Amino acid sequence: MSAQPRKILLATDGSEEADLAAKAASDLAEDPGSELHVVIVGPGYPLYMLPDSTGRFREVYEEEQRQTREVLDAQVSKIEASGGKVHEAHQRSGRPDREILALADDLDADLVVIGSRGLGGLRRALMGSVSTSVVRHAHCPVLVVRGKEDGRVEQS
């Protein structure tokens, strides 16, 4: 990786922490040679919700995908309204950590930027942490951005 990352992947979920991460990623992507990619990962089909199953499963899945796309479009709009430029927006389905890592590999990203809610140890152990998994398994550096209680940004 060069001193300035050229391909930056921002992982978003529409949260306040994701907005803070978007600001950091947008600032890093100001260099003329940089590309900012934004990804959101919506829910995938659980095994019992196959596309050819009866019932409302497909309708529910399609509605979730539509809502996920709305969050992605809103994040891109916020970035562009603040003067940033998004090279490409990506919508994926499945486990967020796996999909973020797969896209980072596909893009050959130089940096992944992700927000973190800062769950405590017990909640993180029970619920898992997307940002922790991405940090542990990424092929490139990962910038984790957290909000502090007073609204300042903390980068780790």
C-alpha atoms as a PDB file:
ATOM      1  CA  MET A   1       0.000   0.000   0.000  1.00  0.00           C
ATOM      2  CA  SER A   2       1.250   3.471  -0.802  1.00  0.00           C
ATOM      3  CA  ALA A   3       1.223   6.196   1.837  1.00  0.00           C
ATOM      4  CA  GLN A   4      -2.173   7.322   0.535  1.00  0.00           C
ATOM      5  CA  PRO A   5      -4.756   4.558   0.000  1.00  0.00           C
ATOM      6  CA  ARG A   6      -6.071   4.511  -3.579  1.00  0.00           C
ATOM      7  CA  LYS A   7      -9.046   2.159  -3.192  1.00  0.00           C
ATOM      8  CA  ILE A   8     -11.039   2.755  -0.049  1.00  0.00           C
ATOM      9  CA  LEU A   9     -13.981   0.562   0.900  1.00  0.00           C
ATOM     10  CA  LEU A  10     -16.486   2.071   3.321  1.00  0.00           C
ATOM     11  CA  ALA A  11     -18.762  -0.458   4.998  1.00  0.00           C
ATOM     12  CA  THR A  12     -22.019   1.118   6.146  1.00  0.00           C
ATOM     13  CA  ASP A  13     -25.174   0.074   7.930  1.00  0.00           C
ATOM     14  CA  GLY A  14     -26.866   3.459   8.231  1.00  0.00           C
ATOM     15  CA  SER A  15     -25.965   3.937  11.902  1.00  0.00           C
ATOM     16  CA  GLU A  16     -24.495   7.066  13.476  1.00  0.00           C
ATOM     17  CA  GLU A  17     -21.154   5.273  13.688  1.00  0.00           C
ATOM     18  CA  ALA A  18     -21.359   4.522   9.966  1.00  0.00           C
ATOM     19  CA  ASP A  19     -21.924   8.230   9.294  1.00  0.00           C
ATOM     20  CA  LEU A  20     -18.745   9.027  11.239  1.00  0.00           C
ATOM     21  CA  ALA A  21     -16.877   6.359   9.265  1.00  0.00           C
ATOM     22  CA  ALA A  22     -18.244   7.848   6.032  1.00  0.00           C
ATOM     23  CA  LYS A  23     -16.801  11.245   6.945  1.00  0.00           C
ATOM     24  CA  ALA A  24     -13.391   9.710   7.642  1.00  0.00           C
ATOM     25  CA  ALA A  25     -13.454   7.661   4.420  1.00  0.00           C
ATOM     26  CA  SER A  26     -14.565  10.653   2.374  1.00  0.00           C
ATOM     27  CA  ASP A  27     -11.746  12.762   3.796  1.00  0.00           C
ATOM     28  CA  LEU A  28      -9.210  10.042   2.956  1.00  0.00           C
ATOM     29  CA  ALA A  29     -10.570   9.739  -0.588  1.00  0.00           C
ATOM     30  CA  GLU A  30     -10.110  13.452  -1.401  1.00  0.00           C
ATOM     31  CA  ASP A  31      -6.854  12.678  -3.200  1.00  0.00           C
ATOM     32  CA  PRO A  32      -7.495  12.834  -6.986  1.00  0.00           C
ATOM     33  CA  GLY A  33      -6.232   9.276  -7.550  1.00  0.00           C
ATOM     34  CA  SER A  34      -8.435   7.706  -4.871  1.00  0.00           C
ATOM     35  CA  GLU A  35     -11.625   5.712  -5.350  1.00  0.00           C
ATOM     36  CA  LEU A  36     -14.266   5.507  -2.632  1.00  0.00           C
ATOM     37  CA  HIS A  37     -16.456   2.425  -2.740  1.00  0.00           C
ATOM     38  CA  VAL A  38     -19.406   2.044  -0.364  1.00  0.00           C
ATOM     39  CA  VAL A  39     -20.912  -1.301   0.605  1.00  0.00           C
ATOM     40  CA  ILE A  40     -23.946  -2.305   2.608  1.00  0.00           C
ATOM     41  CA  VAL A  41     -24.821  -5.883   3.454  1.00  0.00           C
ATOM     42  CA  GLY A  42     -28.451  -6.802   3.819  1.00  0.00           C
ATOM     43  CA  PRO A  43     -29.842 -10.028   5.189  1.00  0.00           C
ATOM     44  CA  GLY A  44     -29.536 -13.128   3.053  1.00  0.00           C
ATOM     45  CA  TYR A  45     -32.014 -15.941   2.843  1.00  0.00           C
ATOM     46  CA  PRO A  46     -31.998 -18.177   5.892  1.00  0.00           C
ATOM     47  CA  LEU A  47     -31.975 -21.817   4.794  1.00  0.00           C
ATOM     48  CA  TYR A  48     -35.720 -22.114   5.290  1.00  0.00           C
ATOM     49  CA  MET A  49     -36.428 -19.059   3.101  1.00  0.00           C
ATOM     50  CA  LEU A  50     -35.480 -20.347  -0.309  1.00  0.00           C
ATOM     51  CA  PRO A  51     -36.674 -18.346  -3.358  1.00  0.00           C
ATOM     52  CA  ASP A  52     -39.051 -21.074  -4.514  1.00  0.00           C
ATOM     53  CA  SER A  53     -40.678 -21.616  -1.120  1.00  0.00           C
ATOM     54  CA  THR A  54     -44.306 -20.812  -0.589  1.00  0.00           C
ATOM     55  CA  GLY A  55     -45.583 -18.038   1.609  1.00  0.00           C
ATOM     56  CA  ARG A  56     -44.376 -14.484   1.932  1.00  0.00           C
ATOM     57  CA  PHE A  57     -40.685 -15.260   2.307  1.00  0.00           C
ATOM     58  CA  ARG A  58     -39.749 -13.852  -1.097  1.00  0.00           C
ATOM     59  CA  GLU A  59     -41.825 -10.702  -0.497  1.00  0.00           C
ATOM     60  CA  VAL A  60     -40.182 -10.177   2.885  1.00  0.00           C
ATOM     61  CA  TYR A  61     -36.722 -10.709   1.394  1.00  0.00           C
ATOM     62  CA  GLU A  62     -37.394  -8.277  -1.467  1.00  0.00           C
ATOM     63  CA  GLU A  63     -38.699  -5.652   0.969  1.00  0.00           C
ATOM     64  CA  GLU A  64     -35.581  -6.040   3.126  1.00  0.00           C
ATOM     65  CA  GLN A  65     -33.421  -5.629   0.021  1.00  0.00           C
ATOM     66  CA  ARG A  66     -35.336  -2.495  -0.967  1.00  0.00           C
ATOM     67  CA  GLN A  67     -34.882  -1.011   2.504  1.00  0.00           C
ATOM     68  CA  THR A  68     -31.184  -1.902   2.448  1.00  0.00           C
ATOM     69  CA  ARG A  69     -30.810  -0.140  -0.912  1.00  0.00           C
ATOM     70  CA  GLU A  70     -32.511   2.960   0.521  1.00  0.00           C
ATOM     71  CA  VAL A  71     -29.954   3.075   3.354  1.00  0.00           C
ATOM     72  CA  LEU A  72     -27.114   2.684   0.841  1.00  0.00           C
ATOM     73  CA  ASP A  73     -28.511   5.426  -1.408  1.00  0.00           C
ATOM     74  CA  ALA A  74     -28.934   7.728   1.604  1.00  0.00           C
ATOM     75  CA  GLN A  75     -25.315   7.154   2.667  1.00  0.00           C
ATOM     76  CA  VAL A  76     -24.042   7.895  -0.844  1.00  0.00           C
ATOM     77  CA  SER A  77     -26.184  11.060  -0.951  1.00  0.00           C
ATOM     78  CA  LYS A  78     -24.761  12.239   2.395  1.00  0.00           C
ATOM     79  CA  ILE A  79     -21.208  11.715   1.175  1.00  0.00           C
ATOM     80  CA  GLU A  80     -21.845  13.552  -2.075  1.00  0.00           C
ATOM     81  CA  ALA A  81     -23.734  16.375  -0.338  1.00  0.00           C
ATOM     82  CA  SER A  82     -20.682  16.962   1.848  1.00  0.00           C
ATOM     83  CA  GLY A  83     -18.446  17.235  -1.224  1.00  0.00           C
ATOM     84  CA  GLY A  84     -17.205  13.633  -1.430  1.00  0.00           C
ATOM     85  CA  LYS A  85     -17.308  11.468  -4.519  1.00  0.00           C
ATOM     86  CA  VAL A  86     -18.373   7.825  -4.516  1.00  0.00           C
ATOM     87  CA  HIS A  87     -16.795   5.739  -7.254  1.00  0.00           C
ATOM     88  CA  GLU A  88     -19.242   2.846  -6.850  1.00  0.00           C
ATOM     89  CA  ALA A  89     -21.940   1.670  -4.429  1.00  0.00           C
ATOM     90  CA  HIS A  90     -22.304  -2.050  -3.727  1.00  0.00           C
ATOM     91  CA  GLN A  91     -25.201  -3.951  -2.179  1.00  0.00           C
ATOM     92  CA  ARG A  92     -24.574  -7.452  -0.906  1.00  0.00           C
ATOM     93  CA  SER A  93     -26.550 -10.040   1.063  1.00  0.00           C
ATOM     94  CA  GLY A  94     -25.347 -12.450   3.701  1.00  0.00           C
ATOM     95  CA  ARG A  95     -23.038 -12.260   6.698  1.00  0.00           C
ATOM     96  CA  PRO A  96     -21.723  -8.698   6.830  1.00  0.00           C
ATOM     97  CA  ASP A  97     -18.143  -9.543   7.810  1.00  0.00           C
ATOM     98  CA  ARG A  98     -17.758 -12.162   5.070  1.00  0.00           C
ATOM     99  CA  GLU A  99     -19.318  -9.969   2.389  1.00  0.00           C
ATOM    100  CA  ILE A 100     -17.223  -6.921   3.330  1.00  0.00           C
ATOM    101  CA  LEU A 101     -14.044  -9.016   3.257  1.00  0.00           C
ATOM    102  CA  ALA A 102     -14.966 -10.647  -0.064  1.00  0.00           C
ATOM    103  CA  LEU A 103     -15.635  -7.278  -1.698  1.00  0.00           C
ATOM    104  CA  ALA A 104     -12.410  -5.827  -0.279  1.00  0.00           C
ATOM    105  CA  ASP A 105     -10.572  -8.746  -1.879  1.00  0.00           C
ATOM    106  CA  ASP A 106     -12.459  -8.387  -5.183  1.00  0.00           C
ATOM    107  CA  LEU A 107     -11.644  -4.678  -5.344  1.00  0.00           C
ATOM    108  CA  ASP A 108      -8.080  -5.191  -4.094  1.00  0.00           C
ATOM    109  CA  ALA A 109      -8.861  -2.414  -1.605  1.00  0.00           C
ATOM    110  CA  ASP A 110      -6.025  -0.569   0.084  1.00  0.00           C
ATOM    111  CA  LEU A 111      -8.126   0.324   3.128  1.00  0.00           C
ATOM    112  CA  VAL A 112     -11.439  -0.691   4.687  1.00  0.00           C
ATOM    113  CA  VAL A 113     -13.233   1.906   6.804  1.00  0.00           C
ATOM    114  CA  ILE A 114     -15.959   0.733   9.166  1.00  0.00           C
ATOM    115  CA  GLY A 115     -17.885   2.167  12.090  1.00  0.00           C
ATOM    116  CA  SER A 116     -18.140   0.429  15.439  1.00  0.00           C
ATOM    117  CA  ARG A 117     -20.706   0.734  18.183  1.00  0.00           C
ATOM    118  CA  GLY A 118     -18.092  -0.215  20.764  1.00  0.00           C
ATOM    119  CA  LEU A 119     -19.959  -3.134  22.322  1.00  0.00           C
ATOM    120  CA  GLY A 120     -18.562  -4.303  25.628  1.00  0.00           C
ATOM    121  CA  GLY A 121     -16.712  -7.606  25.861  1.00  0.00           C
ATOM    122  CA  LEU A 122     -19.710  -9.718  26.889  1.00  0.00           C
ATOM    123  CA  ARG A 123     -22.092  -8.303  24.274  1.00  0.00           C
ATOM    124  CA  ARG A 124     -19.387  -8.614  21.619  1.00  0.00           C
ATOM    125  CA  ALA A 125     -18.795 -12.253  22.619  1.00  0.00           C
ATOM    126  CA  LEU A 126     -22.507 -13.060  22.487  1.00  0.00           C
ATOM    127  CA  MET A 127     -23.467 -11.060  19.393  1.00  0.00           C
ATOM    128  CA  GLY A 128     -20.206 -11.009  17.497  1.00  0.00           C
ATOM    129  CA  SER A 129     -18.603  -7.908  16.095  1.00  0.00           C
ATOM    130  CA  VAL A 130     -18.458  -7.194  12.392  1.00  0.00           C
ATOM    131  CA  SER A 131     -15.651  -4.685  12.815  1.00  0.00           C
ATOM    132  CA  THR A 132     -13.564  -7.103  14.921  1.00  0.00           C
ATOM    133  CA  SER A 133     -13.976  -9.865  12.343  1.00  0.00           C
ATOM    134  CA  VAL A 134     -13.043  -7.509   9.500  1.00  0.00           C
ATOM    135  CA  VAL A 135      -9.949  -6.314  11.378  1.00  0.00           C
ATOM    136  CA  ARG A 136      -8.843  -9.894  12.061  1.00  0.00           C
ATOM    137  CA  HIS A 137      -9.345 -11.234   8.547  1.00  0.00           C
ATOM    138  CA  ALA A 138      -8.775  -8.346   6.131  1.00  0.00           C
ATOM    139  CA  HIS A 139      -5.920  -8.461   3.631  1.00  0.00           C
ATOM    140  CA  CYS A 140      -5.395  -4.713   4.034  1.00  0.00           C
ATOM    141  CA  PRO A 141      -5.446  -2.121   6.821  1.00  0.00           C
ATOM    142  CA  VAL A 142      -8.791  -1.415   8.492  1.00  0.00           C
ATOM    143  CA  LEU A 143      -9.785   1.903  10.038  1.00  0.00           C
ATOM    144  CA  VAL A 144     -12.399   1.470  12.769  1.00  0.00           C
ATOM    145  CA  VAL A 145     -14.230   4.687  13.630  1.00  0.00           C
ATOM    146  CA  ARG A 146     -16.199   5.092  16.857  1.00  0.00           C
ATOM    147  CA  GLY A 147     -18.199   7.928  18.272  1.00  0.00           C
ATOM    148  CA  LYS A 148     -17.520   9.018  21.810  1.00  0.00           C
ATOM    149  CA  GLU A 149     -20.270   9.968  24.206  1.00  0.00           C
ATOM    150  CA  ASP A 150     -19.521  13.654  23.677  1.00  0.00           C
ATOM    151  CA  GLY A 151     -19.895  13.317  19.900  1.00  0.00           C
ATOM    152  CA  ARG A 152     -16.170  13.410  19.038  1.00  0.00           C
ATOM    153  CA  VAL A 153     -14.728  10.838  16.663  1.00  0.00           C
ATOM    154  CA  GLU A 154     -12.295   8.244  17.966  1.00  0.00           C
ATOM    155  CA  GLN A 155     -10.241   6.308  15.426  1.00  0.00           C
ATOM    156  CA  SER A 156      -8.553   3.036  16.369  1.00  0.00           C
END
